[in-house]
Each structure stands twice: as C-alpha cells, then as structure tokens.
Amino acid sequence: ATFFNKVKTISGVEKKLIHFPFFLVLIGGFFSSIFARIIGKQPDLSYGMVRLMGIEQYYSSAKAVKELQMPQTPTDKAIEDCLNWFRANNIKL
C-alpha cells in the first residue's frame, strides 16, 4: 500500500484505497476467468493474475547499477514522470 499512497500523494488525486482479503480477490479472478471464457474475451483480472499477485516479489537494481552503470531514479521522481506522461497522453488517472 505504500507505493499506492505515494502515487496518491504525488498525483494529488484523492482515491480511497480499499483492501480486500486475498481469498476474495482469488475467487473474483476465478469467476472473471470463467465468464471471460464464456463470452470469448480477455478478463480484466484473471485467476492467474491474482495468483501472481499473491507471490511476494522483491527485486534489486544493484546488479544493473554495478555492471551496466545504470542510473537509479528515485521512486518519487519515477512516479512523477509516469504521471506526467499519462497526463500528456490524455490518460485518465
């Protein structure tokens, strides 16, 4: 939730964050996948996507910084750049 709170603060868009128990989201993804298969469209949130969201994943940029001399952009700056791109391309926040 920390990332989403940062986005909320930087964007200035007041949206309430709603927390759902994982098992409810998993059930929703399951039924969304079934319904999408019936109507022949891609689900907005599939069972597989929800399962992946349930896996704690952490990444480090240390190797890219060390071996490729990649610059590391601070999170707040990256979020701000992303939001500016959305606004410049008329994508609703």
PDB file of N, CA and C in Angstrom:
ATOM      1  N   ALA A   1       0.820  -1.195   0.000  1.00  0.00           N
ATOM      2  CA  ALA A   1       0.000   0.000   0.000  1.00  0.00           C
ATOM      3  C   ALA A   1       0.865   1.260   0.000  1.00  0.00           C
ATOM      4  N   THR A   2       2.109   1.150   0.402  1.00  0.00           N
ATOM      5  CA  THR A   2       2.989   2.310   0.438  1.00  0.00           C
ATOM      6  C   THR A   2       3.153   2.922  -0.948  1.00  0.00           C
ATOM      7  N   PHE A   3       3.353   2.089  -1.965  1.00  0.00           N
ATOM      8  CA  PHE A   3       3.504   2.583  -3.334  1.00  0.00           C
ATOM      9  C   PHE A   3       2.260   3.364  -3.751  1.00  0.00           C
ATOM     10  N   PHE A   4       1.090   2.804  -3.492  1.00  0.00           N
ATOM     11  CA  PHE A   4      -0.150   3.457  -3.900  1.00  0.00           C
ATOM     12  C   PHE A   4      -0.383   4.747  -3.121  1.00  0.00           C
ATOM     13  N   ASN A   5       0.045   4.786  -1.877  1.00  0.00           N
ATOM     14  CA  ASN A   5      -0.050   6.029  -1.110  1.00  0.00           C
ATOM     15  C   ASN A   5       0.860   7.099  -1.706  1.00  0.00           C
ATOM     16  N   LYS A   6       2.048   6.692  -2.178  1.00  0.00           N
ATOM     17  CA  LYS A   6       2.953   7.643  -2.832  1.00  0.00           C
ATOM     18  C   LYS A   6       2.320   8.184  -4.111  1.00  0.00           C
ATOM     19  N   VAL A   7       1.728   7.303  -4.907  1.00  0.00           N
ATOM     20  CA  VAL A   7       1.073   7.731  -6.149  1.00  0.00           C
ATOM     21  C   VAL A   7      -0.047   8.711  -5.830  1.00  0.00           C
ATOM     22  N   LYS A   8      -0.824   8.392  -4.817  1.00  0.00           N
ATOM     23  CA  LYS A   8      -1.938   9.250  -4.410  1.00  0.00           C
ATOM     24  C   LYS A   8      -1.430  10.634  -3.998  1.00  0.00           C
ATOM     25  N   THR A   9      -0.368  10.672  -3.228  1.00  0.00           N
ATOM     26  CA  THR A   9       0.196  11.935  -2.755  1.00  0.00           C
ATOM     27  C   THR A   9       0.773  12.755  -3.907  1.00  0.00           C
ATOM     28  N   ILE A  10       1.557  12.118  -4.764  1.00  0.00           N
ATOM     29  CA  ILE A  10       2.219  12.831  -5.863  1.00  0.00           C
ATOM     30  C   ILE A  10       1.208  13.294  -6.909  1.00  0.00           C
ATOM     31  N   SER A  11       0.202  12.467  -7.188  1.00  0.00           N
ATOM     32  CA  SER A  11      -0.774  12.812  -8.224  1.00  0.00           C
ATOM     33  C   SER A  11      -1.769  13.864  -7.761  1.00  0.00           C
ATOM     34  N   GLY A  12      -1.991  13.920  -6.458  1.00  0.00           N
ATOM     35  CA  GLY A  12      -2.990  14.846  -5.940  1.00  0.00           C
ATOM     36  C   GLY A  12      -4.412  14.363  -6.166  1.00  0.00           C
ATOM     37  N   VAL A  13      -4.547  13.132  -6.650  1.00  0.00           N
ATOM     38  CA  VAL A  13      -5.866  12.554  -6.891  1.00  0.00           C
ATOM     39  C   VAL A  13      -6.284  11.797  -5.639  1.00  0.00           C
ATOM     40  N   GLU A  14      -7.392  12.203  -5.071  1.00  0.00           N
ATOM     41  CA  GLU A  14      -7.873  11.556  -3.853  1.00  0.00           C
ATOM     42  C   GLU A  14      -8.729  10.346  -4.204  1.00  0.00           C
ATOM     43  N   LYS A  15      -8.150   9.198  -4.098  1.00  0.00           N
ATOM     44  CA  LYS A  15      -8.882   7.950  -4.306  1.00  0.00           C
ATOM     45  C   LYS A  15      -8.710   7.118  -3.050  1.00  0.00           C
ATOM     46  N   LYS A  16      -9.783   6.522  -2.627  1.00  0.00           N
ATOM     47  CA  LYS A  16      -9.724   5.696  -1.433  1.00  0.00           C
ATOM     48  C   LYS A  16      -9.169   4.321  -1.799  1.00  0.00           C
ATOM     49  N   LEU A  17      -8.202   3.870  -1.035  1.00  0.00           N
ATOM     50  CA  LEU A  17      -7.660   2.532  -1.237  1.00  0.00           C
ATOM     51  C   LEU A  17      -8.508   1.543  -0.449  1.00  0.00           C
ATOM     52  N   ILE A  18      -8.970   0.523  -1.127  1.00  0.00           N
ATOM     53  CA  ILE A  18      -9.795  -0.491  -0.482  1.00  0.00           C
ATOM     54  C   ILE A  18      -8.997  -1.786  -0.431  1.00  0.00           C
ATOM     55  N   HIS A  19      -8.891  -2.349   0.736  1.00  0.00           N
ATOM     56  CA  HIS A  19      -8.156  -3.599   0.910  1.00  0.00           C
ATOM     57  C   HIS A  19      -9.146  -4.763   0.964  1.00  0.00           C
ATOM     58  N   PHE A  20      -8.904  -5.755   0.123  1.00  0.00           N
ATOM     59  CA  PHE A  20      -9.730  -6.951   0.104  1.00  0.00           C
ATOM     60  C   PHE A  20      -8.897  -8.135   0.564  1.00  0.00           C
ATOM     61  N   PRO A  21      -9.508  -9.066   1.282  1.00  0.00           N
ATOM     62  CA  PRO A  21      -8.776 -10.286   1.622  1.00  0.00           C
ATOM     63  C   PRO A  21      -8.388 -11.021   0.336  1.00  0.00           C
ATOM     64  N   PHE A  22      -7.204 -11.603   0.346  1.00  0.00           N
ATOM     65  CA  PHE A  22      -6.680 -12.247  -0.855  1.00  0.00           C
ATOM     66  C   PHE A  22      -7.622 -13.318  -1.389  1.00  0.00           C
ATOM     67  N   PHE A  23      -8.224 -14.104  -0.503  1.00  0.00           N
ATOM     68  CA  PHE A  23      -9.074 -15.195  -0.977  1.00  0.00           C
ATOM     69  C   PHE A  23     -10.285 -14.669  -1.747  1.00  0.00           C
ATOM     70  N   LEU A  24     -10.791 -13.484  -1.386  1.00  0.00           N
ATOM     71  CA  LEU A  24     -11.922 -12.912  -2.128  1.00  0.00           C
ATOM     72  C   LEU A  24     -11.494 -12.475  -3.530  1.00  0.00           C
ATOM     73  N   VAL A  25     -10.314 -11.900  -3.625  1.00  0.00           N
ATOM     74  CA  VAL A  25      -9.803 -11.486  -4.933  1.00  0.00           C
ATOM     75  C   VAL A  25      -9.541 -12.720  -5.791  1.00  0.00           C
ATOM     76  N   LEU A  26      -9.040 -13.779  -5.172  1.00  0.00           N
ATOM     77  CA  LEU A  26      -8.783 -15.030  -5.880  1.00  0.00           C
ATOM     78  C   LEU A  26     -10.083 -15.613  -6.437  1.00  0.00           C
ATOM     79  N   ILE A  27     -11.123 -15.608  -5.633  1.00  0.00           N
ATOM     80  CA  ILE A  27     -12.432 -16.099  -6.084  1.00  0.00           C
ATOM     81  C   ILE A  27     -12.962 -15.218  -7.221  1.00  0.00           C
ATOM     82  N   GLY A  28     -12.810 -13.899  -7.072  1.00  0.00           N
ATOM     83  CA  GLY A  28     -13.238 -12.980  -8.127  1.00  0.00           C
ATOM     84  C   GLY A  28     -12.498 -13.232  -9.431  1.00  0.00           C
ATOM     85  N   GLY A  29     -11.199 -13.463  -9.340  1.00  0.00           N
ATOM     86  CA  GLY A  29     -10.405 -13.767 -10.529  1.00  0.00           C
ATOM     87  C   GLY A  29     -10.832 -15.066 -11.183  1.00  0.00           C
ATOM     88  N   PHE A  30     -11.175 -16.042 -10.359  1.00  0.00           N
ATOM     89  CA  PHE A  30     -11.630 -17.338 -10.867  1.00  0.00           C
ATOM     90  C   PHE A  30     -12.910 -17.168 -11.686  1.00  0.00           C
ATOM     91  N   PHE A  31     -13.898 -16.482 -11.100  1.00  0.00           N
ATOM     92  CA  PHE A  31     -15.164 -16.296 -11.806  1.00  0.00           C
ATOM     93  C   PHE A  31     -15.015 -15.360 -13.007  1.00  0.00           C
ATOM     94  N   SER A  32     -14.133 -14.390 -12.900  1.00  0.00           N
ATOM     95  CA  SER A  32     -13.868 -13.499 -14.025  1.00  0.00           C
ATOM     96  C   SER A  32     -13.286 -14.287 -15.197  1.00  0.00           C
ATOM     97  N   SER A  33     -12.401 -15.226 -14.900  1.00  0.00           N
ATOM     98  CA  SER A  33     -11.800 -16.056 -15.948  1.00  0.00           C
ATOM     99  C   SER A  33     -12.850 -16.936 -16.619  1.00  0.00           C
ATOM    100  N   ILE A  34     -13.735 -17.516 -15.823  1.00  0.00           N
ATOM    101  CA  ILE A  34     -14.794 -18.365 -16.384  1.00  0.00           C
ATOM    102  C   ILE A  34     -15.721 -17.531 -17.272  1.00  0.00           C
ATOM    103  N   PHE A  35     -16.152 -16.380 -16.763  1.00  0.00           N
ATOM    104  CA  PHE A  35     -17.057 -15.523 -17.522  1.00  0.00           C
ATOM    105  C   PHE A  35     -16.407 -15.063 -18.827  1.00  0.00           C
ATOM    106  N   ALA A  36     -15.133 -14.690 -18.756  1.00  0.00           N
ATOM    107  CA  ALA A  36     -14.419 -14.238 -19.957  1.00  0.00           C
ATOM    108  C   ALA A  36     -14.330 -15.352 -20.990  1.00  0.00           C
ATOM    109  N   ARG A  37     -14.122 -16.562 -20.529  1.00  0.00           N
ATOM    110  CA  ARG A  37     -14.050 -17.693 -21.460  1.00  0.00           C
ATOM    111  C   ARG A  37     -15.404 -17.918 -22.134  1.00  0.00           C
ATOM    112  N   ILE A  38     -16.473 -17.750 -21.381  1.00  0.00           N
ATOM    113  CA  ILE A  38     -17.822 -17.940 -21.930  1.00  0.00           C
ATOM    114  C   ILE A  38     -18.126 -16.899 -23.007  1.00  0.00           C
ATOM    115  N   ILE A  39     -17.780 -15.637 -22.737  1.00  0.00           N
ATOM    116  CA  ILE A  39     -18.097 -14.583 -23.708  1.00  0.00           C
ATOM    117  C   ILE A  39     -16.996 -14.385 -24.743  1.00  0.00           C
ATOM    118  N   GLY A  40     -15.883 -15.082 -24.584  1.00  0.00           N
ATOM    119  CA  GLY A  40     -14.817 -15.034 -25.581  1.00  0.00           C
ATOM    120  C   GLY A  40     -13.957 -13.786 -25.540  1.00  0.00           C
ATOM    121  N   LYS A  41     -13.798 -13.205 -24.373  1.00  0.00           N
ATOM    122  CA  LYS A  41     -12.955 -12.018 -24.232  1.00  0.00           C
ATOM    123  C   LYS A  41     -11.911 -12.247 -23.146  1.00  0.00           C
ATOM    124  N   GLN A  42     -10.910 -11.374 -23.133  1.00  0.00           N
ATOM    125  CA  GLN A  42      -9.882 -11.438 -22.097  1.00  0.00           C
ATOM    126  C   GLN A  42     -10.443 -10.857 -20.798  1.00  0.00           C
ATOM    127  N   PRO A  43     -10.197 -11.511 -19.671  1.00  0.00           N
ATOM    128  CA  PRO A  43     -10.682 -10.948 -18.404  1.00  0.00           C
ATOM    129  C   PRO A  43      -9.830  -9.756 -17.981  1.00  0.00           C
ATOM    130  N   ASP A  44     -10.455  -8.813 -17.288  1.00  0.00           N
ATOM    131  CA  ASP A  44      -9.690  -7.692 -16.738  1.00  0.00           C
ATOM    132  C   ASP A  44      -8.774  -8.179 -15.619  1.00  0.00           C
ATOM    133  N   LEU A  45      -9.233  -9.152 -14.881  1.00  0.00           N
ATOM    134  CA  LEU A  45      -8.456  -9.722 -13.787  1.00  0.00           C
ATOM    135  C   LEU A  45      -8.682 -11.223 -13.795  1.00  0.00           C
ATOM    136  N   SER A  46      -7.679 -11.968 -14.210  1.00  0.00           N
ATOM    137  CA  SER A  46      -7.836 -13.415 -14.308  1.00  0.00           C
ATOM    138  C   SER A  46      -7.361 -14.113 -13.039  1.00  0.00           C
ATOM    139  N   TYR A  47      -7.729 -15.365 -12.929  1.00  0.00           N
ATOM    140  CA  TYR A  47      -7.306 -16.193 -11.804  1.00  0.00           C
ATOM    141  C   TYR A  47      -5.779 -16.269 -11.747  1.00  0.00           C
ATOM    142  N   GLY A  48      -5.155 -16.425 -12.899  1.00  0.00           N
ATOM    143  CA  GLY A  48      -3.691 -16.494 -12.959  1.00  0.00           C
ATOM    144  C   GLY A  48      -3.028 -15.204 -12.501  1.00  0.00           C
ATOM    145  N   MET A  49      -3.613 -14.069 -12.892  1.00  0.00           N
ATOM    146  CA  MET A  49      -3.063 -12.777 -12.463  1.00  0.00           C
ATOM    147  C   MET A  49      -3.117 -12.641 -10.947  1.00  0.00           C
ATOM    148  N   VAL A  50      -4.243 -13.057 -10.379  1.00  0.00           N
ATOM    149  CA  VAL A  50      -4.406 -12.949  -8.931  1.00  0.00           C
ATOM    150  C   VAL A  50      -3.399 -13.847  -8.223  1.00  0.00           C
ATOM    151  N   ARG A  51      -3.193 -15.038  -8.746  1.00  0.00           N
ATOM    152  CA  ARG A  51      -2.217 -15.937  -8.125  1.00  0.00           C
ATOM    153  C   ARG A  51      -0.823 -15.320  -8.138  1.00  0.00           C
ATOM    154  N   LEU A  52      -0.467 -14.665  -9.239  1.00  0.00           N
ATOM    155  CA  LEU A  52       0.839 -14.000  -9.312  1.00  0.00           C
ATOM    156  C   LEU A  52       0.935 -12.833  -8.328  1.00  0.00           C
ATOM    157  N   MET A  53      -0.176 -12.123  -8.138  1.00  0.00           N
ATOM    158  CA  MET A  53      -0.168 -11.008  -7.189  1.00  0.00           C
ATOM    159  C   MET A  53       0.056 -11.496  -5.760  1.00  0.00           C
ATOM    160  N   GLY A  54      -0.299 -12.732  -5.496  1.00  0.00           N
ATOM    161  CA  GLY A  54      -0.166 -13.278  -4.150  1.00  0.00           C
ATOM    162  C   GLY A  54       1.246 -13.697  -3.793  1.00  0.00           C
ATOM    163  N   ILE A  55       2.132 -13.708  -4.774  1.00  0.00           N
ATOM    164  CA  ILE A  55       3.520 -14.095  -4.528  1.00  0.00           C
ATOM    165  C   ILE A  55       4.312 -12.841  -4.181  1.00  0.00           C
ATOM    166  N   GLU A  56       4.967 -12.864  -3.040  1.00  0.00           N
ATOM    167  CA  GLU A  56       5.782 -11.708  -2.674  1.00  0.00           C
ATOM    168  C   GLU A  56       7.021 -11.694  -3.552  1.00  0.00           C
ATOM    169  N   GLN A  57       7.191 -10.601  -4.279  1.00  0.00           N
ATOM    170  CA  GLN A  57       8.299 -10.484  -5.216  1.00  0.00           C
ATOM    171  C   GLN A  57       9.092  -9.221  -4.903  1.00  0.00           C
ATOM    172  N   TYR A  58      10.366  -9.387  -4.746  1.00  0.00           N
ATOM    173  CA  TYR A  58      11.242  -8.253  -4.467  1.00  0.00           C
ATOM    174  C   TYR A  58      12.392  -8.277  -5.457  1.00  0.00           C
ATOM    175  N   TYR A  59      12.744  -7.114  -5.953  1.00  0.00           N
ATOM    176  CA  TYR A  59      13.817  -7.016  -6.930  1.00  0.00           C
ATOM    177  C   TYR A  59      14.802  -5.947  -6.485  1.00  0.00           C
ATOM    178  N   SER A  60      16.019  -6.122  -6.925  1.00  0.00           N
ATOM    179  CA  SER A  60      17.056  -5.147  -6.627  1.00  0.00           C
ATOM    180  C   SER A  60      17.686  -4.684  -7.938  1.00  0.00           C
ATOM    181  N   SER A  61      17.965  -3.410  -8.008  1.00  0.00           N
ATOM    182  CA  SER A  61      18.621  -2.872  -9.201  1.00  0.00           C
ATOM    183  C   SER A  61      20.137  -2.836  -9.028  1.00  0.00           C
ATOM    184  N   ALA A  62      20.633  -3.378  -7.937  1.00  0.00           N
ATOM    185  CA  ALA A  62      22.064  -3.299  -7.622  1.00  0.00           C
ATOM    186  C   ALA A  62      22.944  -3.862  -8.738  1.00  0.00           C
ATOM    187  N   LYS A  63      22.548  -4.984  -9.326  1.00  0.00           N
ATOM    188  CA  LYS A  63      23.360  -5.597 -10.376  1.00  0.00           C
ATOM    189  C   LYS A  63      23.409  -4.708 -11.623  1.00  0.00           C
ATOM    190  N   ALA A  64      22.279  -4.132 -12.002  1.00  0.00           N
ATOM    191  CA  ALA A  64      22.243  -3.241 -13.171  1.00  0.00           C
ATOM    192  C   ALA A  64      23.065  -1.986 -12.913  1.00  0.00           C
ATOM    193  N   VAL A  65      22.976  -1.465 -11.705  1.00  0.00           N
ATOM    194  CA  VAL A  65      23.751  -0.273 -11.360  1.00  0.00           C
ATOM    195  C   VAL A  65      25.239  -0.594 -11.394  1.00  0.00           C
ATOM    196  N   LYS A  66      25.607  -1.733 -10.829  1.00  0.00           N
ATOM    197  CA  LYS A  66      27.022  -2.113 -10.734  1.00  0.00           C
ATOM    198  C   LYS A  66      27.614  -2.488 -12.096  1.00  0.00           C
ATOM    199  N   GLU A  67      26.955  -3.399 -12.808  1.00  0.00           N
ATOM    200  CA  GLU A  67      27.534  -3.939 -14.036  1.00  0.00           C
ATOM    201  C   GLU A  67      27.272  -3.087 -15.273  1.00  0.00           C
ATOM    202  N   LEU A  68      26.155  -2.403 -15.319  1.00  0.00           N
ATOM    203  CA  LEU A  68      25.799  -1.631 -16.508  1.00  0.00           C
ATOM    204  C   LEU A  68      25.859  -0.122 -16.283  1.00  0.00           C
ATOM    205  N   GLN A  69      26.228   0.265 -15.073  1.00  0.00           N
ATOM    206  CA  GLN A  69      26.259   1.679 -14.698  1.00  0.00           C
ATOM    207  C   GLN A  69      24.922   2.369 -15.005  1.00  0.00           C
ATOM    208  N   MET A  70      23.845   1.638 -14.761  1.00  0.00           N
ATOM    209  CA  MET A  70      22.507   2.187 -14.986  1.00  0.00           C
ATOM    210  C   MET A  70      22.188   3.188 -13.878  1.00  0.00           C
ATOM    211  N   PRO A  71      21.645   4.331 -14.244  1.00  0.00           N
ATOM    212  CA  PRO A  71      21.260   5.280 -13.190  1.00  0.00           C
ATOM    213  C   PRO A  71      20.037   4.759 -12.442  1.00  0.00           C
ATOM    214  N   GLN A  72      19.970   5.066 -11.186  1.00  0.00           N
ATOM    215  CA  GLN A  72      18.829   4.638 -10.384  1.00  0.00           C
ATOM    216  C   GLN A  72      17.979   5.863 -10.069  1.00  0.00           C
ATOM    217  N   THR A  73      16.782   5.896 -10.644  1.00  0.00           N
ATOM    218  CA  THR A  73      15.874   7.020 -10.447  1.00  0.00           C
ATOM    219  C   THR A  73      15.127   6.834  -9.132  1.00  0.00           C
ATOM    220  N   PRO A  74      15.069   7.865  -8.304  1.00  0.00           N
ATOM    221  CA  PRO A  74      14.295   7.757  -7.069  1.00  0.00           C
ATOM    222  C   PRO A  74      12.825   7.451  -7.376  1.00  0.00           C
ATOM    223  N   THR A  75      12.195   6.689  -6.523  1.00  0.00           N
ATOM    224  CA  THR A  75      10.811   6.255  -6.738  1.00  0.00           C
ATOM    225  C   THR A  75       9.871   7.434  -6.958  1.00  0.00           C
ATOM    226  N   ASP A  76       9.977   8.453  -6.129  1.00  0.00           N
ATOM    227  CA  ASP A  76       9.076   9.603  -6.265  1.00  0.00           C
ATOM    228  C   ASP A  76       9.217  10.271  -7.632  1.00  0.00           C
ATOM    229  N   LYS A  77      10.437  10.400  -8.117  1.00  0.00           N
ATOM    230  CA  LYS A  77      10.686  11.012  -9.429  1.00  0.00           C
ATOM    231  C   LYS A  77      10.114  10.133 -10.541  1.00  0.00           C
ATOM    232  N   ALA A  78      10.293   8.820 -10.422  1.00  0.00           N
ATOM    233  CA  ALA A  78       9.768   7.895 -11.431  1.00  0.00           C
ATOM    234  C   ALA A  78       8.242   7.955 -11.477  1.00  0.00           C
ATOM    235  N   ILE A  79       7.608   8.022 -10.318  1.00  0.00           N
ATOM    236  CA  ILE A  79       6.147   8.123 -10.264  1.00  0.00           C
ATOM    237  C   ILE A  79       5.694   9.436 -10.895  1.00  0.00           C
ATOM    238  N   GLU A  80       6.379  10.520 -10.555  1.00  0.00           N
ATOM    239  CA  GLU A  80       6.025  11.830 -11.110  1.00  0.00           C
ATOM    240  C   GLU A  80       6.172  11.842 -12.633  1.00  0.00           C
ATOM    241  N   ASP A  81       7.268  11.281 -13.147  1.00  0.00           N
ATOM    242  CA  ASP A  81       7.475  11.209 -14.601  1.00  0.00           C
ATOM    243  C   ASP A  81       6.368  10.392 -15.269  1.00  0.00           C
ATOM    244  N   CYS A  82       6.009   9.294 -14.646  1.00  0.00           N
ATOM    245  CA  CYS A  82       4.959   8.427 -15.185  1.00  0.00           C
ATOM    246  C   CYS A  82       3.616   9.158 -15.223  1.00  0.00           C
ATOM    247  N   LEU A  83       3.272   9.818 -14.139  1.00  0.00           N
ATOM    248  CA  LEU A  83       2.009  10.556 -14.083  1.00  0.00           C
ATOM    249  C   LEU A  83       1.988  11.686 -15.113  1.00  0.00           C
ATOM    250  N   ASN A  84       3.115  12.354 -15.288  1.00  0.00           N
ATOM    251  CA  ASN A  84       3.195  13.414 -16.304  1.00  0.00           C
ATOM    252  C   ASN A  84       2.991  12.843 -17.702  1.00  0.00           C
ATOM    253  N   TRP A  85       3.529  11.653 -17.948  1.00  0.00           N
ATOM    254  CA  TRP A  85       3.343  11.010 -19.250  1.00  0.00           C
ATOM    255  C   TRP A  85       1.866  10.673 -19.465  1.00  0.00           C
ATOM    256  N   PHE A  86       1.216  10.137 -18.424  1.00  0.00           N
ATOM    257  CA  PHE A  86      -0.217   9.839 -18.532  1.00  0.00           C
ATOM    258  C   PHE A  86      -0.999  11.102 -18.875  1.00  0.00           C
ATOM    259  N   ARG A  87      -0.695  12.178 -18.175  1.00  0.00           N
ATOM    260  CA  ARG A  87      -1.412  13.443 -18.418  1.00  0.00           C
ATOM    261  C   ARG A  87      -1.147  13.960 -19.831  1.00  0.00           C
ATOM    262  N   ALA A  88       0.104  13.889 -20.279  1.00  0.00           N
ATOM    263  CA  ALA A  88       0.464  14.375 -21.617  1.00  0.00           C
ATOM    264  C   ALA A  88      -0.210  13.559 -22.715  1.00  0.00           C
ATOM    265  N   ASN A  89      -0.533  12.309 -22.415  1.00  0.00           N
ATOM    266  CA  ASN A  89      -1.168  11.431 -23.400  1.00  0.00           C
ATOM    267  C   ASN A  89      -2.664  11.251 -23.144  1.00  0.00           C
ATOM    268  N   ASN A  90      -3.225  12.172 -22.362  1.00  0.00           N
ATOM    269  CA  ASN A  90      -4.669  12.186 -22.078  1.00  0.00           C
ATOM    270  C   ASN A  90      -5.188  10.864 -21.521  1.00  0.00           C
ATOM    271  N   ILE A  91      -4.418  10.272 -20.640  1.00  0.00           N
ATOM    272  CA  ILE A  91      -4.848   9.038 -19.984  1.00  0.00           C
ATOM    273  C   ILE A  91      -5.359   9.415 -18.601  1.00  0.00           C
ATOM    274  N   LYS A  92      -6.605   9.067 -18.339  1.00  0.00           N
ATOM    275  CA  LYS A  92      -7.255   9.458 -17.088  1.00  0.00           C
ATOM    276  C   LYS A  92      -6.617   8.750 -15.900  1.00  0.00           C
ATOM    277  N   LEU A  93      -6.371   9.519 -14.859  1.00  0.00           N
ATOM    278  CA  LEU A  93      -5.800   8.951 -13.635  1.00  0.00           C
ATOM    279  C   LEU A  93      -6.894   8.443 -12.729  1.00  0.00           C
TER     280      LEU A  93
END
